[in-house]
């Protein structure tokens, strides 16, 4: 995705951008867990994978914080009810996008990707 397309998506549908960032980060976390945890379980949730990776010293607290930010925003974007709908802003999309970029960079720095 180029920067112009990214900005357009951010302006039109920050919820979709946030949900997509969650999906991407979940895929990355699952891949890291599969590659590093000898006791990996395919039934673990996104949250379970993060906890297992952190508890086993695979990811740092910094990585966990970035990915938890993405996960929490993504959960709100994907699972909010009509009665309690969250209206995300461009700024929210930027926060999640930055968290995704920093999460990926930290994973590369720690040779996880």
Protein backbone atom coordinates (compact mmCIF):
# COMPACT_ATOMS: atom_id res chain seq x y z
CA UNK A 1 0.00 0.00 0.00
CA UNK A 2 1.40 3.37 -0.95
CA UNK A 3 1.13 6.49 1.21
CA UNK A 4 -1.69 8.06 -0.82
CA UNK A 5 -3.84 4.93 -0.61
CA UNK A 6 -3.06 4.68 3.10
CA UNK A 7 -4.17 8.28 3.73
CA UNK A 8 -7.37 7.75 1.72
CA UNK A 9 -8.23 4.61 3.68
CA UNK A 10 -7.46 6.40 6.93
CA UNK A 11 -9.82 9.24 5.98
CA UNK A 12 -12.61 7.02 4.66
CA UNK A 13 -12.58 4.11 7.11
CA UNK A 14 -10.23 4.19 10.10
CA UNK A 15 -12.12 1.20 11.55
CA UNK A 16 -11.12 -0.97 8.58
CA UNK A 17 -7.50 0.14 8.85
CA UNK A 18 -7.47 -0.70 12.57
CA UNK A 19 -9.09 -4.09 12.01
CA UNK A 20 -6.58 -4.88 9.23
CA UNK A 21 -3.64 -3.88 11.45
CA UNK A 22 -4.96 -6.30 14.09
CA UNK A 23 -5.21 -9.09 11.53
CA UNK A 24 -1.65 -8.49 10.29
CA UNK A 25 -0.21 -8.37 13.81
CA UNK A 26 -2.10 -11.52 14.82
CA UNK A 27 -0.62 -13.35 11.84
CA UNK A 28 2.90 -12.18 12.74
CA UNK A 29 2.50 -13.16 16.41
CA UNK A 30 1.17 -16.60 15.47
CA UNK A 31 4.08 -17.13 13.07
CA UNK A 32 6.60 -16.16 15.75
CA UNK A 33 4.91 -18.46 18.26
CA UNK A 34 4.91 -21.39 15.81
CA UNK A 35 8.60 -20.84 15.05
CA UNK A 36 9.84 -20.35 18.62
CA UNK A 37 7.61 -22.19 21.10
CA UNK A 38 8.10 -25.94 21.31
CA UNK A 39 4.75 -26.27 23.11
CA UNK A 40 2.79 -24.10 20.59
CA UNK A 41 -0.94 -24.83 20.53
CA UNK A 42 -2.97 -23.99 17.42
CA UNK A 43 -6.02 -23.29 19.61
CA UNK A 44 -4.40 -20.41 21.47
CA UNK A 45 -6.03 -17.03 21.00
CA UNK A 46 -4.14 -13.92 19.90
CA UNK A 47 -3.91 -12.88 23.54
CA UNK A 48 -2.69 -16.36 24.57
CA UNK A 49 0.07 -16.27 21.95
CA UNK A 50 1.24 -12.85 23.15
CA UNK A 51 1.28 -14.05 26.77
CA UNK A 52 3.16 -17.25 25.93
CA UNK A 53 5.76 -15.37 23.89
CA UNK A 54 6.29 -12.83 26.65
CA UNK A 55 6.30 -15.37 29.51
CA UNK A 56 8.89 -17.46 27.64
CA UNK A 57 11.16 -14.46 27.02
CA UNK A 58 10.67 -14.51 23.25
CA UNK A 59 9.25 -10.99 23.01
CA UNK A 60 10.19 -7.95 25.07
CA UNK A 61 7.82 -5.85 27.12
CA UNK A 62 8.12 -3.18 24.43
CA UNK A 63 6.97 -5.58 21.70
CA UNK A 64 4.16 -6.82 23.93
CA UNK A 65 3.00 -3.26 24.56
CA UNK A 66 2.90 -2.40 20.86
CA UNK A 67 1.02 -5.54 19.90
CA UNK A 68 -1.41 -5.23 22.83
CA UNK A 69 -2.23 -1.69 21.68
CA UNK A 70 -3.04 -3.02 18.22
CA UNK A 71 -5.01 -5.96 19.64
CA UNK A 72 -7.14 -3.81 21.94
CA UNK A 73 -7.97 -1.20 19.31
CA UNK A 74 -8.62 -3.99 16.79
CA UNK A 75 -10.96 -5.78 19.15
CA UNK A 76 -12.98 -2.61 19.60
CA UNK A 77 -13.11 -2.10 15.82
CA UNK A 78 -14.15 -5.67 15.10
CA UNK A 79 -16.40 -6.49 18.04
CA UNK A 80 -18.19 -3.32 19.14
CA UNK A 81 -21.95 -3.69 19.40
CA UNK A 82 -24.42 -1.37 17.73
CA UNK A 83 -25.52 -0.13 21.16
CA UNK A 84 -21.94 0.60 22.19
CA UNK A 85 -20.29 1.43 18.86
CA UNK A 86 -16.89 3.11 18.92
CA UNK A 87 -16.31 5.90 16.40
CA UNK A 88 -12.66 5.80 15.48
CA UNK A 89 -10.91 8.91 14.21
CA UNK A 90 -8.01 9.46 11.85
CA UNK A 91 -5.85 9.99 14.94
CA UNK A 92 -6.84 6.55 16.27
CA UNK A 93 -5.85 5.02 12.95
CA UNK A 94 -2.49 6.79 13.12
CA UNK A 95 -1.86 5.49 16.65
CA UNK A 96 -2.54 1.90 15.57
CA UNK A 97 -0.55 2.29 12.35
CA UNK A 98 2.43 3.62 14.28
CA UNK A 99 2.13 0.78 16.80
CA UNK A 100 2.14 -1.72 13.91
CA UNK A 101 5.22 -0.17 12.32
CA UNK A 102 7.07 -0.07 15.64
CA UNK A 103 5.99 -3.65 16.46
CA UNK A 104 7.39 -4.90 13.15
CA UNK A 105 10.62 -2.91 13.55
CA UNK A 106 11.16 -4.29 17.07
CA UNK A 107 10.53 -7.83 15.83
CA UNK A 108 13.13 -7.33 13.09
CA UNK A 109 15.57 -5.77 15.57
CA UNK A 110 15.13 -8.80 17.86
CA UNK A 111 15.53 -11.18 14.89
CA UNK A 112 12.01 -12.56 15.21
CA UNK A 113 11.16 -11.78 11.58
